[in-house]
């Protein structure tokens, strides 16, 4: 009997183009290696690859659509998405034009996941006020969806000059460019996604995955009330994860960089340092981390899917562990050879 919670599951990888801790690996090499990983993900049969957007020294993904366009020229099948586009700090017209261009270059493989991002550097960088955090996103999402629906746009808002029927070009190859809503843990975000009928990408980077079930139920109920069918209300998970031949190798490869990264981020946010005990809890049955051998990771994905009432996509974020390019490539190989087939 098929497990319906994973029957149509897409497997992907997300990257933040993290600067290497190896001084011999330049920023140029980092980007070229990332494009190699996207190409390799297609070769081993993965479904999607996402590139994030940050405006911090430790990442070089401030222009994700440029990276994805480079990958589009070297791939033919894999879907290419942002992870996420920081819409609050961007002009929706330019965002749409960029991804429509990517869609044309890739022959209809572009997507975007839009969100508010987990860092705030983009606000002062682009002359925006942090107190407008919520209203900026709501307004810009409204404009982006308007542009997706209409070639000539009539729209007005508080934060941007109105549009009086101007055309927005180019138009994408796909009849409706896929736009997912990336969310953290606020109920309002889940309701918004359901009400708009947008597929949902949940960033689950800690805690227990099952604690998100009430929010996912809220999303599905909001979508149902807005008149959307269950098949339109897709749920995806962006998870921290890594797969190696053995459990011990996966832990040995992943834990040091993971602990270092989250301890550094924790200093900014008042979190305690990451301990091995904390890591072990996160790696256990209900914890968020997908770290282990292929069989363990498959079981954990099934657990995640059951906990959320079924998911459509899961994307592995490995950058957080400061892994070498070779280890990224090996993990992608295992995802394609042993994890994806077991789930499909």
Protein backbone atom coordinates (compact mmCIF):
# COMPACT_ATOMS: atom_id res chain seq x y z
CA UNK A 1 0.00 0.00 0.00
CA UNK A 2 1.31 3.42 -0.90
CA UNK A 3 1.85 5.97 1.82
CA UNK A 4 -0.34 8.83 0.57
CA UNK A 5 1.45 11.40 2.71
CA UNK A 6 4.56 11.11 0.53
CA UNK A 7 3.14 9.78 -2.75
CA UNK A 8 3.68 13.04 -4.70
CA UNK A 9 6.56 14.41 -2.68
CA UNK A 10 9.17 16.54 -4.44
CA UNK A 11 12.73 16.44 -3.10
CA UNK A 12 14.97 19.47 -3.38
CA UNK A 13 17.94 21.37 -2.02
CA UNK A 14 18.17 25.00 -0.90
CA UNK A 15 21.37 27.03 -0.70
CA UNK A 16 22.29 30.41 0.78
CA UNK A 17 25.61 30.53 -1.11
CA UNK A 18 27.53 30.65 2.15
CA UNK A 19 31.08 31.93 1.99
CA UNK A 20 33.53 29.07 2.53
CA UNK A 21 35.60 28.94 5.70
CA UNK A 22 38.46 27.71 3.50
CA UNK A 23 40.48 30.81 2.49
CA UNK A 24 41.52 29.03 -0.71
CA UNK A 25 37.88 29.00 -1.90
CA UNK A 26 37.10 32.43 -3.36
CA UNK A 27 33.66 34.00 -3.70
CA UNK A 28 33.87 33.31 -7.42
CA UNK A 29 34.62 29.64 -6.76
CA UNK A 30 31.74 29.46 -4.28
CA UNK A 31 29.23 30.63 -6.88
CA UNK A 32 30.57 28.36 -9.59
CA UNK A 33 30.50 25.39 -7.22
CA UNK A 34 26.90 26.22 -6.36
CA UNK A 35 25.94 26.10 -10.04
CA UNK A 36 27.74 22.73 -10.26
CA UNK A 37 25.61 21.48 -7.36
CA UNK A 38 22.42 22.57 -9.08
CA UNK A 39 23.52 20.77 -12.24
CA UNK A 40 24.38 17.66 -10.19
CA UNK A 41 20.99 17.77 -8.45
CA UNK A 42 19.33 17.54 -11.84
CA UNK A 43 21.60 14.70 -12.95
CA UNK A 44 20.68 12.56 -9.92
CA UNK A 45 16.96 13.19 -10.39
CA UNK A 46 16.05 15.77 -7.75
CA UNK A 47 13.01 17.93 -8.45
CA UNK A 48 13.91 21.45 -7.38
CA UNK A 49 16.79 23.67 -6.28
CA UNK A 50 16.33 26.92 -4.39
CA UNK A 51 18.68 29.85 -3.77
CA UNK A 52 18.07 32.20 -0.87
CA UNK A 53 18.46 35.96 -0.61
CA UNK A 54 20.58 37.63 2.06
CA UNK A 55 22.39 40.91 2.41
CA UNK A 56 25.05 39.84 4.89
CA UNK A 57 28.79 39.34 4.63
CA UNK A 58 28.68 35.58 5.17
CA UNK A 59 26.40 34.92 2.16
CA UNK A 60 26.73 35.87 -1.50
CA UNK A 61 23.15 35.23 -2.61
CA UNK A 62 21.94 38.85 -2.70
CA UNK A 63 20.99 38.35 -6.39
CA UNK A 64 19.55 34.81 -6.46
CA UNK A 65 17.87 35.13 -9.84
CA UNK A 66 21.29 35.72 -11.46
CA UNK A 67 22.58 32.46 -9.93
CA UNK A 68 19.45 30.62 -11.01
CA UNK A 69 19.80 32.00 -14.55
CA UNK A 70 23.33 30.62 -14.73
CA UNK A 71 21.96 27.26 -13.61
CA UNK A 72 19.14 27.46 -16.16
CA UNK A 73 21.71 27.54 -18.96
CA UNK A 74 23.23 24.27 -17.70
CA UNK A 75 20.08 22.30 -16.85
CA UNK A 76 16.97 21.12 -18.68
CA UNK A 77 14.51 19.66 -16.16
CA UNK A 78 15.01 20.71 -12.54
CA UNK A 79 12.77 23.48 -11.21
CA UNK A 80 14.57 26.65 -10.10
CA UNK A 81 13.24 28.75 -7.25
CA UNK A 82 14.14 31.46 -4.78
CA UNK A 83 14.29 30.46 -1.13
CA UNK A 84 13.14 33.10 -0.27
CA UNK A 85 12.76 36.36 -2.18
CA UNK A 86 12.71 39.13 0.44
CA UNK A 87 9.66 40.81 -1.05
CA UNK A 88 9.31 43.46 1.66
CA UNK A 89 12.57 45.05 0.49
CA UNK A 90 12.05 44.66 -3.26
CA UNK A 91 10.02 46.26 -6.03
CA UNK A 92 7.40 43.69 -7.09
CA UNK A 93 7.57 44.90 -10.69
CA UNK A 94 11.30 44.13 -10.88
CA UNK A 95 10.85 40.86 -9.01
CA UNK A 96 8.24 39.70 -11.49
CA UNK A 97 10.28 40.83 -14.50
CA UNK A 98 13.37 39.00 -13.22
CA UNK A 99 11.56 35.72 -12.59
CA UNK A 100 9.58 35.97 -15.81
CA UNK A 101 12.91 36.32 -17.63
CA UNK A 102 14.25 33.31 -15.74
CA UNK A 103 11.13 31.40 -16.74
CA UNK A 104 11.74 32.16 -20.41
CA UNK A 105 15.42 31.19 -20.17
CA UNK A 106 14.61 27.93 -18.37
CA UNK A 107 11.72 26.97 -20.66
CA UNK A 108 9.11 27.22 -17.90
CA UNK A 109 10.97 26.01 -14.80
CA UNK A 110 11.03 29.16 -12.66
CA UNK A 111 9.29 29.60 -9.33
CA UNK A 112 9.59 32.00 -6.45
CA UNK A 113 9.04 31.67 -2.74
CA UNK A 114 8.32 35.09 -1.29
CA UNK A 115 8.67 36.02 2.35
CA UNK A 116 9.91 38.60 4.79
CA UNK A 117 13.23 36.85 5.43
CA UNK A 118 14.81 35.95 8.75
CA UNK A 119 17.25 38.89 8.87
CA UNK A 120 16.57 42.62 8.76
CA UNK A 121 19.64 44.06 6.99
CA UNK A 122 17.68 44.67 3.78
CA UNK A 123 15.47 47.31 5.40
CA UNK A 124 18.08 50.00 6.11
CA UNK A 125 20.04 48.96 3.01
CA UNK A 126 17.13 49.89 0.76
CA UNK A 127 15.94 52.86 2.81
CA UNK A 128 12.94 51.16 4.38
CA UNK A 129 11.56 51.46 7.90
CA UNK A 130 11.48 48.36 10.07
CA UNK A 131 8.22 49.50 11.66
CA UNK A 132 6.62 48.98 8.21
CA UNK A 133 7.65 45.31 8.29
CA UNK A 134 4.11 43.91 8.02
CA UNK A 135 2.45 46.53 5.84
CA UNK A 136 5.29 46.49 3.30
CA UNK A 137 4.99 42.76 2.78
CA UNK A 138 1.18 42.69 2.57
CA UNK A 139 1.09 45.53 0.07
CA UNK A 140 3.91 44.23 -2.10
CA UNK A 141 2.46 40.72 -2.18
CA UNK A 142 -0.84 42.20 -3.34
CA UNK A 143 0.93 44.04 -6.16
CA UNK A 144 2.98 40.98 -7.16
CA UNK A 145 -0.15 38.83 -7.46
CA UNK A 146 -1.86 41.59 -9.42
CA UNK A 147 1.05 41.67 -11.87
CA UNK A 148 0.98 37.90 -12.21
CA UNK A 149 -2.72 38.03 -13.10
CA UNK A 150 -2.75 41.13 -15.32
CA UNK A 151 -0.47 42.25 -18.12
CA UNK A 152 -1.67 45.83 -17.65
CA UNK A 153 -1.78 46.77 -13.99
CA UNK A 154 -4.11 49.17 -12.16
CA UNK A 155 -2.99 49.37 -8.55
CA UNK A 156 -2.35 51.85 -5.74
CA UNK A 157 -0.86 51.54 -2.26
CA UNK A 158 0.92 53.36 0.52
CA UNK A 159 4.56 52.43 -0.06
CA UNK A 160 4.90 52.65 -3.83
CA UNK A 161 3.77 54.87 -6.68
CA UNK A 162 0.50 53.72 -8.23
CA UNK A 163 0.25 51.93 -11.56
CA UNK A 164 -2.32 53.23 -14.04
CA UNK A 165 -2.52 50.49 -16.60
CA UNK A 166 1.14 50.17 -17.46
CA UNK A 167 2.21 46.88 -19.00
CA UNK A 168 4.68 44.69 -17.11
CA UNK A 169 7.02 42.70 -19.37
CA UNK A 170 8.18 40.13 -20.18
CA UNK A 171 5.40 37.72 -19.44
CA UNK A 172 6.53 34.26 -18.27
CA UNK A 173 6.28 31.09 -20.32
CA UNK A 174 4.18 29.42 -17.61
CA UNK A 175 0.58 30.52 -17.72
CA UNK A 176 0.74 31.37 -14.02
CA UNK A 177 4.23 31.77 -12.60
CA UNK A 178 4.32 29.68 -9.40
CA UNK A 179 4.52 31.81 -6.26
CA UNK A 180 4.83 30.13 -2.87
CA UNK A 181 4.51 31.95 0.43
CA UNK A 182 7.44 31.33 2.76
CA UNK A 183 6.43 31.42 6.43
CA UNK A 184 7.90 31.00 9.89
CA UNK A 185 5.50 30.52 12.77
CA UNK A 186 2.93 33.32 12.86
CA UNK A 187 -0.75 32.32 12.44
CA UNK A 188 -1.42 35.42 10.34
CA UNK A 189 1.01 34.22 7.67
CA UNK A 190 -0.68 30.83 7.42
CA UNK A 191 -4.12 32.44 7.15
CA UNK A 192 -2.85 34.83 4.46
CA UNK A 193 -1.46 31.97 2.37
CA UNK A 194 -4.68 29.98 2.64
CA UNK A 195 -6.93 32.95 1.88
CA UNK A 196 -4.89 33.73 -1.23
CA UNK A 197 -4.67 30.08 -2.29
CA UNK A 198 -0.88 30.15 -2.39
CA UNK A 199 1.26 27.06 -1.79
CA UNK A 200 2.98 27.23 1.59
CA UNK A 201 6.68 26.74 2.32
CA UNK A 202 7.37 26.41 6.06
CA UNK A 203 10.85 27.02 7.41
CA UNK A 204 11.19 24.43 10.16
CA UNK A 205 14.70 24.82 11.52
CA UNK A 206 14.19 23.82 15.14
CA UNK A 207 11.79 22.36 17.67
CA UNK A 208 9.33 19.61 16.83
CA UNK A 209 7.79 19.51 13.37
CA UNK A 210 4.42 18.41 14.74
CA UNK A 211 4.00 21.70 16.61
CA UNK A 212 3.25 23.29 13.19
CA UNK A 213 0.22 21.05 12.59
CA UNK A 214 -2.36 23.48 14.08
CA UNK A 215 -0.96 26.23 11.83
CA UNK A 216 -1.09 23.97 8.76
CA UNK A 217 -4.68 23.06 9.64
CA UNK A 218 -5.42 26.78 9.91
CA UNK A 219 -3.92 27.29 6.44
CA UNK A 220 -6.00 24.52 4.92
CA UNK A 221 -9.18 25.69 6.60
CA UNK A 222 -8.57 29.29 5.48
CA UNK A 223 -8.04 28.05 1.93
CA UNK A 224 -11.19 25.93 2.02
CA UNK A 225 -13.25 28.88 3.21
CA UNK A 226 -11.81 30.99 0.40
CA UNK A 227 -12.98 28.40 -2.11
CA UNK A 228 -9.72 26.64 -2.97
CA UNK A 229 -9.52 22.90 -3.53
CA UNK A 230 -7.21 20.75 -1.38
CA UNK A 231 -4.91 20.08 -4.37
CA UNK A 232 -4.29 23.83 -4.66
CA UNK A 233 -3.16 24.11 -1.03
CA UNK A 234 0.30 22.57 -1.19
CA UNK A 235 2.55 22.42 1.87
CA UNK A 236 6.33 22.30 1.61
CA UNK A 237 9.03 22.17 4.28
CA UNK A 238 12.40 23.90 4.21
CA UNK A 239 14.50 21.83 6.61
CA UNK A 240 18.05 21.76 7.84
CA UNK A 241 19.43 18.42 6.77
CA UNK A 242 22.29 16.32 5.51
CA UNK A 243 22.69 12.71 4.45
CA UNK A 244 25.84 10.57 4.48
CA UNK A 245 26.61 6.87 4.07
CA UNK A 246 26.48 6.27 7.82
CA UNK A 247 24.81 7.98 10.74
CA UNK A 248 28.10 8.70 12.46
CA UNK A 249 29.60 10.29 9.37
CA UNK A 250 26.52 12.49 8.93
CA UNK A 251 26.79 13.67 12.54
CA UNK A 252 30.55 14.17 12.38
CA UNK A 253 30.27 16.19 9.15
CA UNK A 254 27.24 18.29 10.09
CA UNK A 255 27.35 19.03 13.81
CA UNK A 256 30.50 21.21 14.14
CA UNK A 257 29.47 23.73 11.48
CA UNK A 258 25.82 23.65 12.54
CA UNK A 259 26.76 24.39 16.16
CA UNK A 260 29.12 27.17 15.12
CA UNK A 261 26.59 28.86 12.81
CA UNK A 262 23.67 28.78 15.21
CA UNK A 263 25.78 29.86 18.14
CA UNK A 264 26.89 32.91 16.11
CA UNK A 265 23.33 33.73 15.06
CA UNK A 266 22.24 33.14 18.64
CA UNK A 267 24.55 35.91 19.88
CA UNK A 268 22.51 38.36 17.78
CA UNK A 269 19.18 37.03 19.00
CA UNK A 270 19.85 36.10 22.61
CA UNK A 271 19.85 32.33 22.13
CA UNK A 272 22.07 30.05 24.23
CA UNK A 273 25.05 28.32 22.58
CA UNK A 274 24.25 25.13 20.69
CA UNK A 275 25.22 21.95 22.56
CA UNK A 276 25.55 18.37 21.40
CA UNK A 277 22.59 17.46 23.62
CA UNK A 278 20.47 20.06 21.83
CA UNK A 279 21.59 18.65 18.47
CA UNK A 280 20.72 15.09 19.48
CA UNK A 281 17.22 16.14 20.50
CA UNK A 282 16.74 17.91 17.17
CA UNK A 283 17.92 14.79 15.35
CA UNK A 284 15.55 12.48 17.23
CA UNK A 285 12.21 11.23 15.90
CA UNK A 286 10.15 14.39 16.32
CA UNK A 287 12.94 16.95 16.02
CA UNK A 288 13.35 19.19 12.98
CA UNK A 289 16.81 18.11 11.78
CA UNK A 290 17.07 15.64 8.87
CA UNK A 291 20.57 14.37 9.57
CA UNK A 292 21.56 10.72 9.21
CA UNK A 293 22.01 7.85 6.79
CA UNK A 294 19.59 7.57 3.83
CA UNK A 295 17.23 5.13 5.55
CA UNK A 296 16.98 7.28 8.69
CA UNK A 297 16.34 10.40 6.63
CA UNK A 298 13.59 8.66 4.63
CA UNK A 299 11.83 7.62 7.85
CA UNK A 300 12.20 11.12 9.25
CA UNK A 301 10.69 12.70 6.13
CA UNK A 302 7.73 10.33 6.38
CA UNK A 303 7.39 11.35 10.04
CA UNK A 304 7.44 15.03 9.06
CA UNK A 305 4.80 14.45 6.39
CA UNK A 306 2.49 12.53 8.74
CA UNK A 307 2.90 15.18 11.40
CA UNK A 308 1.71 17.88 9.00
CA UNK A 309 -1.07 15.89 7.35
CA UNK A 310 0.87 15.41 4.11
CA UNK A 311 3.46 17.54 2.34
CA UNK A 312 4.21 18.18 -1.33
CA UNK A 313 7.86 19.20 -1.15
CA UNK A 314 10.84 19.01 1.17
CA UNK A 315 14.05 20.96 0.61
CA UNK A 316 17.34 20.28 2.36
CA UNK A 317 19.39 23.25 3.60
CA UNK A 318 22.98 22.13 4.13
CA UNK A 319 24.87 25.45 3.95
CA UNK A 320 24.42 26.06 7.65
CA UNK A 321 27.01 23.36 8.44
CA UNK A 322 29.89 24.90 6.49
CA UNK A 323 30.39 21.71 4.47
CA UNK A 324 32.91 21.38 1.66
CA UNK A 325 31.77 21.33 -1.95
CA UNK A 326 32.68 17.64 -2.13
CA UNK A 327 30.46 16.77 0.84
CA UNK A 328 27.57 18.75 -0.67
CA UNK A 329 27.97 16.81 -3.90
CA UNK A 330 28.08 13.46 -2.08
CA UNK A 331 24.95 14.33 -0.10
CA UNK A 332 23.12 15.36 -3.27
CA UNK A 333 24.17 12.05 -4.83
CA UNK A 334 22.66 10.13 -1.91
CA UNK A 335 19.46 12.17 -1.99
CA UNK A 336 19.00 11.26 -5.63
CA UNK A 337 20.16 7.64 -5.43
CA UNK A 338 18.72 6.45 -2.13
CA UNK A 339 16.34 8.97 -0.54
CA UNK A 340 14.14 10.13 -3.41
CA UNK A 341 13.55 6.61 -4.87
CA UNK A 342 12.53 5.29 -1.45
CA UNK A 343 9.93 8.01 -1.11
CA UNK A 344 8.60 7.80 -4.67
